[in-house]
């Protein structure tokens, strides 16, 4: 059974794309078949996967001009359904009844191909984010260890509850993940305590693992690769590995389907 996980926070700069990329790479390293889906018009995740620019993207998929299978690109970093700037007009362009389910319908044919589908969302509570919530089993909320990252959490919680009420009643919040953390400072410790209180208010958990601040993440992004490939023994790699272990702990053994070569997308 495929598990679909969305990485979300309407605040920018909190590590959504880094977390999506690292989660997908970490699960792939464990032997799971993983698809990353970029729903951000900025296309940062697509850049990190070194995707080709002249291929169909999730935009064409949502418009019904291409199937998800046709748009998936196989890259050296893994399989991805890429995005581009055309998604920026999604709220005005996708207006028909049932637009909340466009992604859900598009991903249905992929359910037998992947163990995990990881969705990266834009820094906004727009129709793309709602589509991600609708198509997902669960959410992970990255949050920087700074005061600005706390802004907007009430609105995010309200949006999640609305989706659960009207669109996807089985949606679960896995927890809040602290990113860009410096545990040696008093501010870092105080912010962790504050975020724990927010997690309690949202009736979710704060992951015990926090992602420590390190330049390795930016270096890996510059090289268009993931932290597992760029720095296997680095701090960020160790943190994300611990986070993935924590995420999967207690969830039971997840079956490994593995894509058959004849069914794999024919991209790079």
Protein backbone atom coordinates (compact mmCIF):
# COMPACT_ATOMS: atom_id res chain seq x y z
CA UNK A 1 0.00 0.00 0.00
CA UNK A 2 1.50 3.31 -1.09
CA UNK A 3 1.90 5.93 1.63
CA UNK A 4 1.68 9.55 0.48
CA UNK A 5 3.30 12.17 2.72
CA UNK A 6 3.11 15.95 2.25
CA UNK A 7 5.76 18.32 3.59
CA UNK A 8 3.95 21.56 4.39
CA UNK A 9 4.21 24.97 5.99
CA UNK A 10 2.98 28.21 4.44
CA UNK A 11 6.06 29.93 5.86
CA UNK A 12 8.97 29.99 3.43
CA UNK A 13 12.54 29.15 4.34
CA UNK A 14 11.74 26.47 6.91
CA UNK A 15 13.26 23.54 5.04
CA UNK A 16 10.27 22.06 3.24
CA UNK A 17 12.13 21.25 0.04
CA UNK A 18 15.21 20.03 1.92
CA UNK A 19 13.03 17.78 4.05
CA UNK A 20 11.11 16.44 1.03
CA UNK A 21 14.33 15.71 -0.84
CA UNK A 22 16.08 14.18 2.17
CA UNK A 23 13.07 12.08 3.15
CA UNK A 24 12.76 10.71 -0.38
CA UNK A 25 16.50 10.03 -0.60
CA UNK A 26 16.61 8.41 2.83
CA UNK A 27 13.69 6.10 2.07
CA UNK A 28 15.26 5.23 -1.29
CA UNK A 29 18.51 4.37 0.51
CA UNK A 30 16.54 1.93 2.67
CA UNK A 31 15.41 0.11 -0.46
CA UNK A 32 11.94 1.57 -0.92
CA UNK A 33 10.56 2.73 -4.23
CA UNK A 34 9.94 6.46 -3.89
CA UNK A 35 8.39 9.18 -6.03
CA UNK A 36 8.94 12.86 -5.26
CA UNK A 37 6.31 15.33 -6.46
CA UNK A 38 7.13 19.03 -6.77
CA UNK A 39 4.08 21.28 -6.34
CA UNK A 40 5.99 24.53 -5.84
CA UNK A 41 6.04 26.89 -8.87
CA UNK A 42 9.60 27.83 -7.89
CA UNK A 43 10.65 24.29 -8.81
CA UNK A 44 13.44 24.05 -6.24
CA UNK A 45 12.93 20.33 -5.70
CA UNK A 46 12.95 19.79 -9.45
CA UNK A 47 16.24 21.69 -9.65
CA UNK A 48 17.68 19.49 -6.91
CA UNK A 49 16.76 16.42 -8.96
CA UNK A 50 18.40 17.95 -12.07
CA UNK A 51 15.27 17.50 -14.19
CA UNK A 52 14.99 18.20 -17.89
CA UNK A 53 13.14 21.39 -18.79
CA UNK A 54 11.48 20.30 -22.03
CA UNK A 55 9.37 17.51 -20.53
CA UNK A 56 5.77 17.55 -19.21
CA UNK A 57 5.40 18.62 -15.58
CA UNK A 58 2.80 18.36 -12.84
CA UNK A 59 1.17 21.41 -14.43
CA UNK A 60 0.31 19.45 -17.58
CA UNK A 61 -0.79 16.54 -15.42
CA UNK A 62 -3.24 18.67 -13.43
CA UNK A 63 -4.56 20.16 -16.67
CA UNK A 64 -5.15 16.69 -18.06
CA UNK A 65 -2.70 17.19 -20.92
CA UNK A 66 -0.36 14.41 -19.75
CA UNK A 67 -0.60 11.47 -17.39
CA UNK A 68 1.50 11.33 -14.23
CA UNK A 69 3.33 8.31 -15.61
CA UNK A 70 4.24 10.24 -18.76
CA UNK A 71 5.51 13.22 -16.76
CA UNK A 72 7.68 11.34 -14.26
CA UNK A 73 11.41 11.74 -14.86
CA UNK A 74 13.96 9.15 -13.77
CA UNK A 75 17.04 11.03 -12.61
CA UNK A 76 20.27 10.06 -10.91
CA UNK A 77 18.64 11.27 -7.68
CA UNK A 78 15.44 9.25 -8.09
CA UNK A 79 12.00 9.52 -9.67
CA UNK A 80 10.25 12.88 -9.65
CA UNK A 81 7.14 14.52 -11.02
CA UNK A 82 8.60 17.99 -11.62
CA UNK A 83 7.13 21.49 -11.48
CA UNK A 84 7.69 24.81 -13.19
CA UNK A 85 6.57 28.45 -12.98
CA UNK A 86 3.30 27.75 -14.85
CA UNK A 87 1.90 26.44 -11.57
CA UNK A 88 1.89 30.00 -10.19
CA UNK A 89 -1.50 30.65 -11.82
CA UNK A 90 -3.12 27.49 -10.47
CA UNK A 91 -5.64 29.30 -8.22
CA UNK A 92 -7.04 31.25 -11.15
CA UNK A 93 -6.72 28.51 -13.75
CA UNK A 94 -8.09 25.49 -11.88
CA UNK A 95 -11.57 26.63 -10.99
CA UNK A 96 -13.88 23.78 -11.95
CA UNK A 97 -15.87 21.75 -9.43
CA UNK A 98 -13.78 19.08 -7.79
CA UNK A 99 -10.50 20.93 -8.31
CA UNK A 100 -9.38 19.78 -4.84
CA UNK A 101 -9.10 16.24 -6.20
CA UNK A 102 -7.04 16.88 -9.35
CA UNK A 103 -3.84 15.50 -7.82
CA UNK A 104 -5.63 12.63 -6.10
CA UNK A 105 -6.99 11.44 -9.43
CA UNK A 106 -3.65 11.95 -11.19
CA UNK A 107 -1.73 9.85 -8.66
CA UNK A 108 -4.16 6.91 -8.59
CA UNK A 109 -2.43 5.00 -11.44
CA UNK A 110 0.86 5.17 -9.49
CA UNK A 111 -0.40 3.47 -6.34
CA UNK A 112 0.87 0.04 -7.44
CA UNK A 113 4.31 1.35 -8.41
CA UNK A 114 5.68 3.12 -5.36
CA UNK A 115 6.03 2.45 -1.64
CA UNK A 116 6.14 6.17 -0.84
CA UNK A 117 5.09 9.36 -2.62
CA UNK A 118 6.58 12.52 -1.09
CA UNK A 119 4.93 15.87 -1.93
CA UNK A 120 6.71 19.21 -1.65
CA UNK A 121 4.32 22.17 -1.38
CA UNK A 122 4.60 25.92 -2.00
CA UNK A 123 4.86 28.43 0.87
CA UNK A 124 1.14 29.24 0.65
CA UNK A 125 -2.24 27.79 1.56
CA UNK A 126 -3.47 27.72 -2.03
CA UNK A 127 -5.18 25.17 -4.28
CA UNK A 128 -1.89 23.33 -4.83
CA UNK A 129 -1.45 22.83 -1.09
CA UNK A 130 -5.09 21.78 -0.70
CA UNK A 131 -4.60 19.25 -3.51
CA UNK A 132 -1.59 17.87 -1.67
CA UNK A 133 -3.58 17.55 1.57
CA UNK A 134 -6.40 15.85 -0.30
CA UNK A 135 -4.08 13.31 -1.90
CA UNK A 136 -2.08 12.52 1.24
CA UNK A 137 -2.20 10.04 4.07
CA UNK A 138 -0.22 12.30 6.37
CA UNK A 139 1.60 15.61 6.79
CA UNK A 140 4.96 16.63 8.19
CA UNK A 141 5.39 20.26 9.25
CA UNK A 142 8.99 21.55 9.19
CA UNK A 143 9.52 24.57 11.39
CA UNK A 144 12.64 26.66 11.77
CA UNK A 145 13.92 27.34 15.26
CA UNK A 146 13.11 31.05 15.05
CA UNK A 147 10.23 33.31 16.06
CA UNK A 148 9.09 34.01 12.48
CA UNK A 149 8.47 30.33 11.86
CA UNK A 150 5.75 30.40 14.50
CA UNK A 151 3.66 32.85 12.48
CA UNK A 152 0.75 31.41 10.61
CA UNK A 153 0.53 28.12 12.49
CA UNK A 154 -3.05 28.84 13.50
CA UNK A 155 -4.03 29.35 9.84
CA UNK A 156 -2.25 26.13 8.84
CA UNK A 157 -4.06 24.21 11.55
CA UNK A 158 -7.40 25.64 10.40
CA UNK A 159 -6.69 24.65 6.79
CA UNK A 160 -5.80 21.12 7.83
CA UNK A 161 -8.98 20.78 9.86
CA UNK A 162 -11.07 22.08 6.96
CA UNK A 163 -9.58 19.51 4.60
CA UNK A 164 -10.18 16.76 7.14
CA UNK A 165 -13.78 17.85 7.55
CA UNK A 166 -14.75 18.27 3.92
CA UNK A 167 -12.24 16.46 1.72
CA UNK A 168 -9.94 13.92 3.41
CA UNK A 169 -11.14 12.74 6.83
CA UNK A 170 -8.26 10.26 7.15
CA UNK A 171 -5.55 12.91 6.91
CA UNK A 172 -3.06 12.68 9.79
CA UNK A 173 -0.40 15.09 11.00
CA UNK A 174 2.70 13.01 11.69
CA UNK A 175 4.31 15.81 13.65
CA UNK A 176 6.42 18.98 13.63
CA UNK A 177 10.08 18.76 12.62
CA UNK A 178 12.48 21.42 13.88
CA UNK A 179 14.97 22.48 11.20
CA UNK A 180 17.97 24.83 11.18
CA UNK A 181 18.41 24.06 14.86
CA UNK A 182 21.34 25.16 17.04
CA UNK A 183 21.01 23.24 20.32
CA UNK A 184 23.99 25.01 21.86
CA UNK A 185 22.28 28.40 22.12
CA UNK A 186 19.79 29.48 24.75
CA UNK A 187 17.49 30.76 21.97
CA UNK A 188 17.58 27.37 20.26
CA UNK A 189 16.54 25.60 23.46
CA UNK A 190 13.83 28.16 24.22
CA UNK A 191 12.39 27.90 20.71
CA UNK A 192 12.29 24.11 20.94
CA UNK A 193 10.24 24.42 24.13
CA UNK A 194 7.87 26.90 22.45
CA UNK A 195 7.42 24.68 19.39
CA UNK A 196 6.66 21.75 21.70
CA UNK A 197 3.82 23.80 23.20
CA UNK A 198 2.49 24.55 19.71
CA UNK A 199 2.59 20.87 18.84
CA UNK A 200 0.53 20.11 21.94
CA UNK A 201 -1.99 22.79 20.97
CA UNK A 202 -2.29 21.27 17.49
CA UNK A 203 -2.81 17.84 19.03
CA UNK A 204 0.27 16.44 17.33
CA UNK A 205 3.80 15.61 18.36
CA UNK A 206 7.17 17.28 18.07
CA UNK A 207 9.68 14.87 16.60
CA UNK A 208 12.48 14.13 19.06
CA UNK A 209 14.95 14.48 16.21
CA UNK A 210 15.83 18.03 15.17
CA UNK A 211 17.77 18.94 12.03
CA UNK A 212 20.86 20.87 13.04
CA UNK A 213 21.98 23.92 11.07
CA UNK A 214 24.79 23.07 8.65
CA UNK A 215 26.20 24.47 5.43
CA UNK A 216 26.24 20.94 3.97
CA UNK A 217 22.59 21.26 3.00
CA UNK A 218 23.20 24.35 0.87
CA UNK A 219 26.29 22.76 -0.65
CA UNK A 220 24.34 19.66 -1.68
CA UNK A 221 21.61 21.81 -3.22
CA UNK A 222 24.21 23.74 -5.21
CA UNK A 223 25.51 20.45 -6.58
CA UNK A 224 21.95 19.34 -7.45
CA UNK A 225 22.14 16.25 -5.29
CA UNK A 226 20.83 14.98 -1.96
CA UNK A 227 22.68 15.00 1.34
CA UNK A 228 23.03 11.21 1.36
CA UNK A 229 25.02 11.31 -1.85
CA UNK A 230 26.91 14.53 -1.09
CA UNK A 231 27.89 13.89 2.53
CA UNK A 232 27.06 10.35 3.73
CA UNK A 233 28.63 10.96 7.15
CA UNK A 234 27.57 14.57 7.59
CA UNK A 235 25.51 16.09 10.39
CA UNK A 236 22.43 16.68 8.25
CA UNK A 237 22.56 13.14 6.89
CA UNK A 238 22.73 11.71 10.39
CA UNK A 239 19.86 13.93 11.54
CA UNK A 240 17.59 13.09 8.63
CA UNK A 241 18.39 9.39 9.01
CA UNK A 242 17.40 9.56 12.68
CA UNK A 243 14.25 11.46 11.75
CA UNK A 244 13.25 8.83 9.18
CA UNK A 245 13.84 6.06 11.71
CA UNK A 246 11.67 7.94 14.20
CA UNK A 247 8.97 8.52 11.59
CA UNK A 248 8.79 4.86 10.67
CA UNK A 249 9.13 3.46 14.17
CA UNK A 250 5.97 1.72 15.26
CA UNK A 251 4.38 1.94 11.82
CA UNK A 252 5.05 -1.72 11.07
CA UNK A 253 7.05 -3.18 8.25
CA UNK A 254 6.26 -1.43 5.00
CA UNK A 255 6.14 -3.73 1.99
CA UNK A 256 8.70 -3.11 -0.71
CA UNK A 257 7.14 -3.32 -4.15
CA UNK A 258 10.03 -2.10 -6.25
CA UNK A 259 9.28 -0.83 -9.70
CA UNK A 260 9.50 -3.34 -12.49
CA UNK A 261 11.74 -1.97 -15.22
CA UNK A 262 9.00 -2.40 -17.80
CA UNK A 263 6.73 -0.17 -15.75
CA UNK A 264 9.25 2.49 -14.87
CA UNK A 265 8.87 5.94 -16.46
CA UNK A 266 11.06 6.36 -19.49
CA UNK A 267 12.67 9.69 -18.55
CA UNK A 268 16.30 10.16 -17.64
